[in-house]
Amino acid sequence: MKSGKTVASVSFLSDRTISMDVEQVTAIEIGEPMEVEPGSWFAELIIRSANGVLAVQMLAENPDRFQVLTPNENPDAE
């Protein structure tokens, strides 16, 4: 069996959040939101690293939810 490299390390936190560490990132992409049914939108976030690819499939009630915000723009940021 081949030995593999870790693509991402995931931690499930007690406050019901997930923390993920990805090393050697080479690119981050987000797909164009698509409406899958009325009031339900889909988008995919791709994180490419030297060790592999991480894909996150997301659903939201409107396409505006997929905007990428900086910490200064994000009201939920600490």
Protein backbone atom coordinates (compact mmCIF):
# COMPACT_ATOMS: atom_id res chain seq x y z
CA MET A 1 0.00 0.00 0.00
CA LYS A 2 1.28 3.46 -0.90
CA SER A 3 1.81 6.03 1.80
CA GLY A 4 -0.18 9.20 1.10
CA LYS A 5 0.14 12.85 1.99
CA THR A 6 -2.47 14.63 4.08
CA VAL A 7 -4.63 16.95 1.95
CA ALA A 8 -6.49 18.52 4.88
CA SER A 9 -6.85 18.10 8.61
CA VAL A 10 -10.39 18.52 10.01
CA SER A 11 -11.35 19.30 13.61
CA PHE A 12 -14.93 19.17 14.90
CA LEU A 13 -15.26 21.76 17.65
CA SER A 14 -17.63 21.69 20.62
CA ASP A 15 -19.48 24.79 19.44
CA ARG A 16 -20.63 22.85 16.35
CA THR A 17 -18.10 24.30 13.96
CA ILE A 18 -15.47 22.68 11.77
CA SER A 19 -11.90 23.89 11.52
CA MET A 20 -9.78 22.79 8.57
CA ASP A 21 -6.06 23.22 7.99
CA VAL A 22 -4.82 22.99 4.39
CA GLU A 23 -1.11 23.32 3.69
CA GLN A 24 0.69 24.38 0.52
CA VAL A 25 -2.36 26.02 -1.10
CA THR A 26 -1.84 26.74 -4.79
CA ALA A 27 -5.29 28.11 -5.78
CA ILE A 28 -8.78 28.80 -4.44
CA GLU A 29 -11.79 28.82 -6.80
CA ILE A 30 -15.53 29.26 -6.31
CA GLY A 31 -17.94 28.22 -9.02
CA GLU A 32 -20.77 30.33 -10.37
CA PRO A 33 -23.89 29.80 -8.21
CA MET A 34 -26.60 27.72 -9.89
CA GLU A 35 -30.27 27.52 -8.91
CA VAL A 36 -31.16 23.85 -8.37
CA GLU A 37 -34.81 24.60 -7.55
CA PRO A 38 -36.71 27.76 -6.62
CA GLY A 39 -35.10 29.25 -3.50
CA SER A 40 -32.21 26.75 -3.44
CA TRP A 41 -28.79 27.66 -4.85
CA PHE A 42 -25.64 25.55 -5.20
CA ALA A 43 -21.97 26.54 -5.45
CA GLU A 44 -18.72 24.62 -5.12
CA LEU A 45 -15.54 25.85 -3.46
CA ILE A 46 -12.32 24.22 -4.68
CA ILE A 47 -9.05 24.51 -2.75
CA ARG A 48 -6.06 23.19 -4.65
CA SER A 49 -2.89 22.32 -2.77
CA ALA A 50 0.40 20.67 -3.56
CA ASN A 51 -0.99 17.54 -1.85
CA GLY A 52 -4.41 17.31 -3.53
CA VAL A 53 -7.79 18.99 -3.99
CA LEU A 54 -10.45 19.80 -1.40
CA ALA A 55 -14.00 20.36 -2.71
CA VAL A 56 -16.81 21.87 -0.60
CA GLN A 57 -20.35 21.69 -1.99
CA MET A 58 -22.63 24.37 -0.55
CA LEU A 59 -26.38 25.12 -0.60
CA ALA A 60 -28.00 28.47 0.25
CA GLU A 61 -31.33 30.24 -0.14
CA ASN A 62 -29.92 32.88 -2.52
CA PRO A 63 -26.78 33.37 -4.63
CA ASP A 64 -25.62 36.39 -2.59
CA ARG A 65 -24.67 34.01 0.24
CA PHE A 66 -21.70 32.80 -1.83
CA GLN A 67 -19.91 36.16 -1.88
CA VAL A 68 -16.37 35.99 -0.52
CA LEU A 69 -15.93 38.58 2.24
CA THR A 70 -12.80 39.94 3.87
CA PRO A 71 -12.68 39.90 7.69
CA ASN A 72 -13.56 43.63 7.74
CA GLU A 73 -16.71 42.99 5.67
CA ASN A 74 -17.85 39.90 7.58
CA PRO A 75 -20.13 40.78 10.52
CA ASP A 76 -19.67 37.26 12.01
CA ALA A 77 -15.85 37.53 12.11
CA GLU A 78 -14.23 37.80 15.53
